[in-house]
């Protein structure tokens, strides 16, 4: 059964910030478009195969790596809730997956 993808406010902000960073850095939207397509493609795969991601230390939270980023999500009855997108090059001590 294909599940619906639901993006949290935090995940939407993370994605927007990541894509804007690359637009500013590269002075072009091309890489951001490609990266966003990867995020969408992976979340669509997760909607069909929610157990694909690795288990984390957080209860019921899994993560799927996309390049230098990790998408943290929870499988719910009929949804996949995208909690956060994390840049793996950042300090892991600053990662907060708590539901807000």
C-alpha atoms as a PDB file:
ATOM      1  CA  UNK A   1       0.000   0.000   0.000  1.00  0.00           C
ATOM      2  CA  UNK A   2       1.393   3.384  -1.009  1.00  0.00           C
ATOM      3  CA  UNK A   3       1.385   5.844   1.864  1.00  0.00           C
ATOM      4  CA  UNK A   4       0.891   9.581   1.658  1.00  0.00           C
ATOM      5  CA  UNK A   5       3.955  11.776   2.271  1.00  0.00           C
ATOM      6  CA  UNK A   6       3.441  14.510   4.884  1.00  0.00           C
ATOM      7  CA  UNK A   7       6.193  17.105   5.349  1.00  0.00           C
ATOM      8  CA  UNK A   8       6.519  18.699   8.789  1.00  0.00           C
ATOM      9  CA  UNK A   9       7.092  22.445   9.002  1.00  0.00           C
ATOM     10  CA  UNK A  10      10.656  21.737  10.145  1.00  0.00           C
ATOM     11  CA  UNK A  11      11.365  19.466   7.169  1.00  0.00           C
ATOM     12  CA  UNK A  12       9.911  21.998   4.737  1.00  0.00           C
ATOM     13  CA  UNK A  13      12.105  24.711   6.268  1.00  0.00           C
ATOM     14  CA  UNK A  14      15.163  22.421   6.172  1.00  0.00           C
ATOM     15  CA  UNK A  15      14.601  21.644   2.506  1.00  0.00           C
ATOM     16  CA  UNK A  16      14.008  25.296   1.613  1.00  0.00           C
ATOM     17  CA  UNK A  17      17.159  26.383   3.483  1.00  0.00           C
ATOM     18  CA  UNK A  18      19.291  23.677   1.847  1.00  0.00           C
ATOM     19  CA  UNK A  19      18.063  24.517  -1.634  1.00  0.00           C
ATOM     20  CA  UNK A  20      18.497  28.263  -1.056  1.00  0.00           C
ATOM     21  CA  UNK A  21      22.037  27.706   0.224  1.00  0.00           C
ATOM     22  CA  UNK A  22      22.972  25.994  -3.039  1.00  0.00           C
ATOM     23  CA  UNK A  23      21.276  28.672  -5.142  1.00  0.00           C
ATOM     24  CA  UNK A  24      23.254  31.366  -3.315  1.00  0.00           C
ATOM     25  CA  UNK A  25      26.511  29.424  -3.418  1.00  0.00           C
ATOM     26  CA  UNK A  26      26.347  28.410  -7.076  1.00  0.00           C
ATOM     27  CA  UNK A  27      24.535  31.520  -8.358  1.00  0.00           C
ATOM     28  CA  UNK A  28      22.275  29.099 -10.195  1.00  0.00           C
ATOM     29  CA  UNK A  29      19.144  27.062  -9.499  1.00  0.00           C
ATOM     30  CA  UNK A  30      20.267  24.027 -11.501  1.00  0.00           C
ATOM     31  CA  UNK A  31      21.863  22.031  -8.656  1.00  0.00           C
ATOM     32  CA  UNK A  32      19.005  22.883  -6.277  1.00  0.00           C
ATOM     33  CA  UNK A  33      16.472  21.593  -8.791  1.00  0.00           C
ATOM     34  CA  UNK A  34      18.391  18.331  -9.164  1.00  0.00           C
ATOM     35  CA  UNK A  35      18.751  17.935  -5.398  1.00  0.00           C
ATOM     36  CA  UNK A  36      15.057  18.620  -4.848  1.00  0.00           C
ATOM     37  CA  UNK A  37      14.182  15.978  -7.466  1.00  0.00           C
ATOM     38  CA  UNK A  38      16.335  13.508  -5.508  1.00  0.00           C
ATOM     39  CA  UNK A  39      14.515  14.376  -2.261  1.00  0.00           C
ATOM     40  CA  UNK A  40      11.147  13.884  -3.962  1.00  0.00           C
ATOM     41  CA  UNK A  41      12.223  10.641  -5.644  1.00  0.00           C
ATOM     42  CA  UNK A  42      13.460   9.151  -2.360  1.00  0.00           C
ATOM     43  CA  UNK A  43      10.324  10.158  -0.451  1.00  0.00           C
ATOM     44  CA  UNK A  44       8.186   8.610  -3.194  1.00  0.00           C
ATOM     45  CA  UNK A  45      10.146   5.356  -2.849  1.00  0.00           C
ATOM     46  CA  UNK A  46       9.674   5.531   0.935  1.00  0.00           C
ATOM     47  CA  UNK A  47       5.923   5.851   0.420  1.00  0.00           C
ATOM     48  CA  UNK A  48       5.994   2.400  -1.185  1.00  0.00           C
ATOM     49  CA  UNK A  49       8.745   0.850   0.950  1.00  0.00           C
ATOM     50  CA  UNK A  50       8.653   2.582   4.351  1.00  0.00           C
ATOM     51  CA  UNK A  51      11.020   0.107   6.019  1.00  0.00           C
ATOM     52  CA  UNK A  52      13.785   0.968   3.531  1.00  0.00           C
ATOM     53  CA  UNK A  53      15.433   3.527   5.824  1.00  0.00           C
ATOM     54  CA  UNK A  54      17.766   2.679   8.678  1.00  0.00           C
ATOM     55  CA  UNK A  55      16.481   2.628  12.238  1.00  0.00           C
ATOM     56  CA  UNK A  56      17.775   5.432  14.442  1.00  0.00           C
ATOM     57  CA  UNK A  57      18.215   5.898  18.174  1.00  0.00           C
ATOM     58  CA  UNK A  58      14.938   7.827  18.177  1.00  0.00           C
ATOM     59  CA  UNK A  59      11.814   5.772  18.776  1.00  0.00           C
ATOM     60  CA  UNK A  60      10.020   4.801  15.537  1.00  0.00           C
ATOM     61  CA  UNK A  61      12.217   7.138  13.472  1.00  0.00           C
ATOM     62  CA  UNK A  62      14.071   5.951  10.394  1.00  0.00           C
ATOM     63  CA  UNK A  63      16.457   7.772   8.097  1.00  0.00           C
ATOM     64  CA  UNK A  64      17.342   7.532   4.436  1.00  0.00           C
ATOM     65  CA  UNK A  65      20.554   8.999   3.068  1.00  0.00           C
ATOM     66  CA  UNK A  66      20.429  11.205  -0.034  1.00  0.00           C
ATOM     67  CA  UNK A  67      23.940  12.336  -0.918  1.00  0.00           C
ATOM     68  CA  UNK A  68      25.230  14.403   2.006  1.00  0.00           C
ATOM     69  CA  UNK A  69      21.773  14.587   3.592  1.00  0.00           C
ATOM     70  CA  UNK A  70      19.616  12.337   5.731  1.00  0.00           C
ATOM     71  CA  UNK A  71      15.856  12.380   5.603  1.00  0.00           C
ATOM     72  CA  UNK A  72      14.366  11.470   8.985  1.00  0.00           C
ATOM     73  CA  UNK A  73      10.837  10.096   8.907  1.00  0.00           C
ATOM     74  CA  UNK A  74       8.210   8.113  10.794  1.00  0.00           C
ATOM     75  CA  UNK A  75       5.926   5.502   9.336  1.00  0.00           C
ATOM     76  CA  UNK A  76       2.363   5.995  10.481  1.00  0.00           C
ATOM     77  CA  UNK A  77      -0.819   4.104   9.646  1.00  0.00           C
ATOM     78  CA  UNK A  78      -1.412   5.658   6.229  1.00  0.00           C
ATOM     79  CA  UNK A  79       1.309   8.342   6.132  1.00  0.00           C
ATOM     80  CA  UNK A  80       5.033   8.773   5.992  1.00  0.00           C
ATOM     81  CA  UNK A  81       5.822  11.840   8.101  1.00  0.00           C
ATOM     82  CA  UNK A  82       9.018  13.564   7.025  1.00  0.00           C
ATOM     83  CA  UNK A  83      10.418  15.019  10.251  1.00  0.00           C
ATOM     84  CA  UNK A  84      13.655  16.639   9.195  1.00  0.00           C
ATOM     85  CA  UNK A  85      16.415  16.794   6.597  1.00  0.00           C
ATOM     86  CA  UNK A  86      19.909  16.870   8.085  1.00  0.00           C
ATOM     87  CA  UNK A  87      23.195  17.822   6.444  1.00  0.00           C
ATOM     88  CA  UNK A  88      25.556  15.008   7.495  1.00  0.00           C
ATOM     89  CA  UNK A  89      28.513  17.401   7.392  1.00  0.00           C
ATOM     90  CA  UNK A  90      27.121  19.342  10.370  1.00  0.00           C
ATOM     91  CA  UNK A  91      27.773  18.578  14.027  1.00  0.00           C
ATOM     92  CA  UNK A  92      25.502  15.690  15.036  1.00  0.00           C
ATOM     93  CA  UNK A  93      25.188  17.133  18.549  1.00  0.00           C
ATOM     94  CA  UNK A  94      22.878  19.806  17.103  1.00  0.00           C
ATOM     95  CA  UNK A  95      20.437  17.281  15.619  1.00  0.00           C
ATOM     96  CA  UNK A  96      16.950  17.465  17.140  1.00  0.00           C
ATOM     97  CA  UNK A  97      14.351  14.984  15.940  1.00  0.00           C
ATOM     98  CA  UNK A  98      11.836  15.584  18.713  1.00  0.00           C
ATOM     99  CA  UNK A  99       8.349  16.125  17.387  1.00  0.00           C
ATOM    100  CA  UNK A 100       7.315  19.763  17.563  1.00  0.00           C
END
